[in-house]
Amino acid sequence: MKTRYFVLLLAPLFSTAALATAGYTGPGAAAVATVAAAQAAPDDTPVVLQGHVTQKLKGEKYEFKDATGTITVEIDDEDLPPVGFNENTQVKLTGEVDKGLMSREIDVDLVEVIN
């Protein structure tokens, strides 16, 4: 009887571990690397952008610029790097495209200072 309960307790652990390593790797799985590509990408597309945060707009919204254009990014306060940065500092933003009805922006999960 104890063995049956033990097996029932362990079964969900093994099935979750198998699912945790699975992920889509086909077409469209690669992250977008430029603002121009992010402007054309569908909602929830992963992005990794390198460039400069040029100004704070309001709240947690900032303007980001790379060689291909500018886009609004949303960076939660807890996702900001521990070191200060300004418009001259090159940064790497990791997040996803957030497409609204009238606009498109990047919801940033991680900000890394490059230089």
N, C-alpha and C. Protein backbone atom coordinates (compact mmCIF):
# COMPACT_ATOMS: atom_id res chain seq x y z
N MET A 1 0.82 -1.19 0.00
CA MET A 1 0.00 0.00 0.00
C MET A 1 0.86 1.25 0.00
N LYS A 2 1.94 1.24 0.82
CA LYS A 2 2.82 2.41 0.87
C LYS A 2 3.52 2.62 -0.47
N THR A 3 3.84 1.55 -1.14
CA THR A 3 4.51 1.65 -2.44
C THR A 3 3.61 2.34 -3.45
N ARG A 4 2.33 2.03 -3.42
CA ARG A 4 1.38 2.64 -4.36
C ARG A 4 1.33 4.15 -4.16
N TYR A 5 1.27 4.61 -2.93
CA TYR A 5 1.23 6.04 -2.65
C TYR A 5 2.55 6.71 -3.05
N PHE A 6 3.63 6.02 -2.81
CA PHE A 6 4.94 6.56 -3.17
C PHE A 6 5.03 6.76 -4.68
N VAL A 7 4.57 5.79 -5.46
CA VAL A 7 4.58 5.88 -6.92
C VAL A 7 3.66 7.02 -7.38
N LEU A 8 2.51 7.15 -6.75
CA LEU A 8 1.59 8.22 -7.13
C LEU A 8 2.17 9.60 -6.84
N LEU A 9 2.97 9.72 -5.80
CA LEU A 9 3.61 11.00 -5.48
C LEU A 9 4.74 11.32 -6.44
N LEU A 10 5.47 10.34 -6.91
CA LEU A 10 6.62 10.56 -7.79
C LEU A 10 6.23 10.72 -9.27
N ALA A 11 5.13 10.17 -9.70
CA ALA A 11 4.73 10.20 -11.11
C ALA A 11 4.66 11.62 -11.67
N PRO A 12 4.02 12.58 -10.99
CA PRO A 12 3.97 13.94 -11.55
C PRO A 12 5.35 14.58 -11.67
N LEU A 13 6.26 14.24 -10.81
CA LEU A 13 7.60 14.83 -10.89
C LEU A 13 8.32 14.41 -12.15
N PHE A 14 8.20 13.16 -12.52
CA PHE A 14 8.89 12.68 -13.72
C PHE A 14 8.24 13.20 -14.99
N SER A 15 6.94 13.30 -15.03
CA SER A 15 6.27 13.79 -16.23
C SER A 15 6.54 15.28 -16.43
N THR A 16 6.65 16.07 -15.38
CA THR A 16 6.94 17.50 -15.50
C THR A 16 8.38 17.71 -15.95
N ALA A 17 9.29 16.90 -15.49
CA ALA A 17 10.68 17.05 -15.88
C ALA A 17 10.86 16.80 -17.37
N ALA A 18 10.13 15.88 -17.91
CA ALA A 18 10.22 15.59 -19.34
C ALA A 18 9.69 16.76 -20.17
N LEU A 19 8.64 17.40 -19.70
CA LEU A 19 8.06 18.54 -20.43
C LEU A 19 8.91 19.80 -20.31
N ALA A 20 9.64 19.96 -19.25
CA ALA A 20 10.41 21.18 -19.02
C ALA A 20 11.54 21.35 -20.02
N THR A 21 12.04 20.27 -20.59
CA THR A 21 13.14 20.38 -21.55
C THR A 21 12.64 20.50 -22.98
N ALA A 22 11.36 20.30 -23.22
CA ALA A 22 10.81 20.38 -24.56
C ALA A 22 10.56 21.83 -24.94
N GLY A 23 10.66 22.12 -26.23
CA GLY A 23 10.37 23.46 -26.71
C GLY A 23 10.38 23.49 -28.22
N TYR A 24 9.70 24.42 -28.80
CA TYR A 24 9.63 24.54 -30.25
C TYR A 24 10.95 25.04 -30.79
N THR A 25 11.48 24.38 -31.80
CA THR A 25 12.76 24.79 -32.40
C THR A 25 12.65 24.97 -33.91
N GLY A 26 11.43 24.98 -34.44
CA GLY A 26 11.23 25.11 -35.89
C GLY A 26 11.27 26.55 -36.36
N PRO A 27 10.76 26.80 -37.59
CA PRO A 27 10.77 28.14 -38.17
C PRO A 27 10.07 29.15 -37.26
N GLY A 28 10.66 30.31 -37.11
CA GLY A 28 10.10 31.37 -36.29
C GLY A 28 10.52 31.30 -34.83
N ALA A 29 11.30 30.29 -34.45
CA ALA A 29 11.69 30.14 -33.05
C ALA A 29 12.85 31.05 -32.68
N ALA A 30 13.63 31.48 -33.66
CA ALA A 30 14.78 32.34 -33.38
C ALA A 30 14.31 33.73 -32.98
N ALA A 31 15.06 34.35 -32.08
CA ALA A 31 14.72 35.69 -31.61
C ALA A 31 15.02 36.73 -32.68
N VAL A 32 14.19 37.75 -32.75
CA VAL A 32 14.38 38.88 -33.65
C VAL A 32 15.52 39.74 -33.10
N ALA A 33 16.39 40.27 -33.98
CA ALA A 33 17.58 40.98 -33.52
C ALA A 33 17.63 42.46 -33.88
N THR A 34 16.64 42.99 -34.61
CA THR A 34 16.66 44.40 -34.97
C THR A 34 15.29 45.03 -34.70
N VAL A 35 15.29 46.35 -34.56
CA VAL A 35 14.03 47.08 -34.37
C VAL A 35 13.14 46.92 -35.59
N ALA A 36 13.72 47.00 -36.79
CA ALA A 36 12.93 46.87 -38.01
C ALA A 36 12.23 45.51 -38.06
N ALA A 37 12.93 44.45 -37.69
CA ALA A 37 12.32 43.12 -37.68
C ALA A 37 11.26 43.02 -36.59
N ALA A 38 11.48 43.66 -35.44
CA ALA A 38 10.51 43.65 -34.36
C ALA A 38 9.23 44.38 -34.76
N GLN A 39 9.37 45.45 -35.56
CA GLN A 39 8.19 46.21 -36.02
C GLN A 39 7.29 45.35 -36.90
N ALA A 40 7.87 44.37 -37.60
CA ALA A 40 7.10 43.52 -38.50
C ALA A 40 6.74 42.17 -37.89
N ALA A 41 7.26 41.86 -36.71
CA ALA A 41 7.06 40.54 -36.10
C ALA A 41 5.69 40.43 -35.44
N PRO A 42 5.16 39.21 -35.37
CA PRO A 42 3.89 39.02 -34.68
C PRO A 42 4.02 39.14 -33.16
N ASP A 43 2.88 39.25 -32.51
CA ASP A 43 2.83 39.36 -31.05
C ASP A 43 3.53 38.18 -30.39
N ASP A 44 4.22 38.46 -29.29
CA ASP A 44 4.91 37.47 -28.46
C ASP A 44 6.17 36.88 -29.11
N THR A 45 6.65 37.47 -30.21
CA THR A 45 7.89 37.02 -30.82
C THR A 45 9.05 37.38 -29.90
N PRO A 46 9.95 36.44 -29.60
CA PRO A 46 11.11 36.78 -28.76
C PRO A 46 12.06 37.73 -29.48
N VAL A 47 12.64 38.66 -28.73
CA VAL A 47 13.59 39.62 -29.29
C VAL A 47 14.83 39.71 -28.41
N VAL A 48 15.97 39.96 -29.06
CA VAL A 48 17.22 40.29 -28.38
C VAL A 48 17.81 41.44 -29.18
N LEU A 49 17.72 42.65 -28.63
CA LEU A 49 18.13 43.86 -29.35
C LEU A 49 19.36 44.47 -28.70
N GLN A 50 20.25 45.02 -29.54
CA GLN A 50 21.40 45.77 -29.05
C GLN A 50 21.34 47.17 -29.62
N GLY A 51 21.52 48.15 -28.74
CA GLY A 51 21.45 49.54 -29.15
C GLY A 51 21.49 50.44 -27.94
N HIS A 52 20.71 51.53 -27.99
CA HIS A 52 20.75 52.53 -26.94
C HIS A 52 19.33 52.91 -26.50
N VAL A 53 19.13 53.01 -25.19
CA VAL A 53 17.90 53.58 -24.66
C VAL A 53 18.12 55.08 -24.70
N THR A 54 17.38 55.79 -25.57
CA THR A 54 17.67 57.20 -25.83
C THR A 54 16.95 58.16 -24.89
N GLN A 55 15.78 57.75 -24.38
CA GLN A 55 15.08 58.63 -23.44
C GLN A 55 13.98 57.89 -22.70
N LYS A 56 13.64 58.43 -21.54
CA LYS A 56 12.51 57.91 -20.77
C LYS A 56 11.28 58.66 -21.22
N LEU A 57 10.22 57.95 -21.54
CA LEU A 57 8.99 58.58 -22.02
C LEU A 57 8.06 58.89 -20.85
N LYS A 58 7.53 57.88 -20.21
CA LYS A 58 6.71 58.06 -19.01
C LYS A 58 6.58 56.71 -18.32
N GLY A 59 6.50 56.75 -17.01
CA GLY A 59 6.38 55.52 -16.25
C GLY A 59 7.53 54.56 -16.54
N GLU A 60 7.20 53.39 -17.03
CA GLU A 60 8.21 52.37 -17.35
C GLU A 60 8.46 52.27 -18.85
N LYS A 61 8.06 53.29 -19.60
CA LYS A 61 8.23 53.31 -21.06
C LYS A 61 9.47 54.12 -21.43
N TYR A 62 10.25 53.57 -22.35
CA TYR A 62 11.48 54.20 -22.83
C TYR A 62 11.52 54.12 -24.35
N GLU A 63 12.34 54.97 -24.96
CA GLU A 63 12.58 54.89 -26.39
C GLU A 63 13.91 54.17 -26.60
N PHE A 64 13.90 53.17 -27.47
CA PHE A 64 15.10 52.39 -27.77
C PHE A 64 15.45 52.59 -29.24
N LYS A 65 16.75 52.70 -29.54
CA LYS A 65 17.20 52.93 -30.91
C LYS A 65 18.34 51.99 -31.25
N ASP A 66 18.25 51.40 -32.46
CA ASP A 66 19.39 50.68 -33.02
C ASP A 66 19.62 51.21 -34.43
N ALA A 67 20.45 50.57 -35.20
CA ALA A 67 20.79 51.06 -36.54
C ALA A 67 19.61 51.02 -37.50
N THR A 68 18.55 50.26 -37.18
CA THR A 68 17.42 50.11 -38.10
C THR A 68 16.20 50.95 -37.74
N GLY A 69 16.21 51.59 -36.57
CA GLY A 69 15.07 52.42 -36.21
C GLY A 69 14.88 52.55 -34.71
N THR A 70 13.71 53.07 -34.32
CA THR A 70 13.38 53.26 -32.90
C THR A 70 12.07 52.55 -32.58
N ILE A 71 11.93 52.18 -31.31
CA ILE A 71 10.71 51.53 -30.85
C ILE A 71 10.55 51.82 -29.36
N THR A 72 9.32 51.83 -28.90
CA THR A 72 9.05 51.99 -27.48
C THR A 72 9.26 50.65 -26.77
N VAL A 73 9.93 50.72 -25.63
CA VAL A 73 10.15 49.51 -24.83
C VAL A 73 9.59 49.75 -23.44
N GLU A 74 9.09 48.70 -22.82
CA GLU A 74 8.60 48.78 -21.45
C GLU A 74 9.54 47.97 -20.57
N ILE A 75 10.18 48.66 -19.63
CA ILE A 75 11.14 48.02 -18.74
C ILE A 75 10.65 48.21 -17.31
N ASP A 76 10.26 47.12 -16.66
CA ASP A 76 9.85 47.18 -15.25
C ASP A 76 11.06 47.58 -14.41
N ASP A 77 10.81 48.32 -13.34
CA ASP A 77 11.89 48.80 -12.48
C ASP A 77 12.79 47.66 -12.00
N GLU A 78 12.21 46.51 -11.69
CA GLU A 78 13.01 45.40 -11.19
C GLU A 78 13.87 44.74 -12.28
N ASP A 79 13.60 45.07 -13.56
CA ASP A 79 14.39 44.52 -14.66
C ASP A 79 15.53 45.43 -15.09
N LEU A 80 15.63 46.62 -14.50
CA LEU A 80 16.73 47.52 -14.81
C LEU A 80 18.03 46.97 -14.25
N PRO A 81 19.16 47.23 -14.92
CA PRO A 81 20.44 46.71 -14.42
C PRO A 81 20.85 47.41 -13.12
N PRO A 82 21.72 46.78 -12.33
CA PRO A 82 22.15 47.37 -11.06
C PRO A 82 23.06 48.58 -11.24
N VAL A 83 23.63 48.75 -12.43
CA VAL A 83 24.49 49.91 -12.71
C VAL A 83 23.72 50.92 -13.54
N GLY A 84 24.03 52.20 -13.35
CA GLY A 84 23.36 53.24 -14.11
C GLY A 84 23.78 53.23 -15.57
N PHE A 85 22.91 53.73 -16.44
CA PHE A 85 23.23 53.85 -17.86
C PHE A 85 22.52 55.07 -18.42
N ASN A 86 23.01 55.57 -19.55
CA ASN A 86 22.39 56.73 -20.18
C ASN A 86 22.27 56.49 -21.68
N GLU A 87 21.94 57.54 -22.44
CA GLU A 87 21.71 57.40 -23.88
C GLU A 87 22.97 57.02 -24.66
N ASN A 88 24.14 57.15 -24.06
CA ASN A 88 25.39 56.79 -24.73
C ASN A 88 25.86 55.37 -24.42
N THR A 89 25.18 54.72 -23.50
CA THR A 89 25.55 53.37 -23.08
C THR A 89 24.89 52.35 -23.99
N GLN A 90 25.68 51.45 -24.53
CA GLN A 90 25.10 50.38 -25.35
C GLN A 90 24.54 49.30 -24.43
N VAL A 91 23.30 48.87 -24.73
CA VAL A 91 22.63 47.87 -23.91
C VAL A 91 22.11 46.74 -24.79
N LYS A 92 21.85 45.62 -24.15
CA LYS A 92 21.23 44.46 -24.80
C LYS A 92 19.92 44.20 -24.08
N LEU A 93 18.82 44.24 -24.83
CA LEU A 93 17.49 44.02 -24.27
C LEU A 93 16.97 42.67 -24.71
N THR A 94 16.47 41.89 -23.77
CA THR A 94 15.85 40.60 -24.07
C THR A 94 14.40 40.67 -23.63
N GLY A 95 13.50 40.29 -24.52
CA GLY A 95 12.08 40.34 -24.20
C GLY A 95 11.24 39.78 -25.32
N GLU A 96 10.05 40.38 -25.52
CA GLU A 96 9.17 39.91 -26.57
C GLU A 96 8.34 41.06 -27.12
N VAL A 97 7.87 40.89 -28.34
CA VAL A 97 7.04 41.89 -29.00
C VAL A 97 5.67 41.91 -28.33
N ASP A 98 5.18 43.11 -28.05
CA ASP A 98 3.84 43.29 -27.49
C ASP A 98 3.06 44.14 -28.49
N LYS A 99 2.21 43.48 -29.26
CA LYS A 99 1.46 44.16 -30.31
C LYS A 99 0.08 44.54 -29.80
N GLY A 100 -0.19 45.85 -29.82
CA GLY A 100 -1.51 46.34 -29.46
C GLY A 100 -2.32 46.65 -30.69
N LEU A 101 -3.50 47.24 -30.51
CA LEU A 101 -4.33 47.59 -31.66
C LEU A 101 -3.70 48.66 -32.53
N MET A 102 -3.10 49.66 -31.90
CA MET A 102 -2.56 50.80 -32.66
C MET A 102 -1.05 50.94 -32.54
N SER A 103 -0.40 50.11 -31.75
CA SER A 103 1.04 50.29 -31.55
C SER A 103 1.72 48.95 -31.33
N ARG A 104 3.01 49.01 -31.37
CA ARG A 104 3.82 47.83 -31.11
C ARG A 104 4.99 48.27 -30.25
N GLU A 105 5.29 47.50 -29.22
CA GLU A 105 6.42 47.82 -28.34
C GLU A 105 7.08 46.52 -27.90
N ILE A 106 8.16 46.66 -27.17
CA ILE A 106 8.88 45.50 -26.66
C ILE A 106 8.68 45.45 -25.15
N ASP A 107 8.23 44.31 -24.65
CA ASP A 107 8.13 44.08 -23.21
C ASP A 107 9.45 43.43 -22.80
N VAL A 108 10.28 44.19 -22.09
CA VAL A 108 11.64 43.77 -21.76
C VAL A 108 11.67 42.95 -20.47
N ASP A 109 12.38 41.82 -20.53
CA ASP A 109 12.57 40.97 -19.35
C ASP A 109 13.94 41.13 -18.73
N LEU A 110 14.94 41.56 -19.53
CA LEU A 110 16.30 41.65 -19.06
C LEU A 110 17.04 42.78 -19.79
N VAL A 111 17.73 43.64 -19.03
CA VAL A 111 18.56 44.70 -19.58
C VAL A 111 20.00 44.42 -19.16
N GLU A 112 20.91 44.32 -20.14
CA GLU A 112 22.31 44.10 -19.86
C GLU A 112 23.11 45.26 -20.43
N VAL A 113 24.00 45.85 -19.62
CA VAL A 113 24.89 46.91 -20.11
C VAL A 113 26.06 46.25 -20.82
N ILE A 114 26.31 46.67 -22.07
CA ILE A 114 27.37 46.05 -22.86
C ILE A 114 28.71 46.76 -22.66
N ASN A 115 28.70 48.09 -22.61
CA ASN A 115 29.97 48.81 -22.39
C ASN A 115 29.87 49.76 -21.23
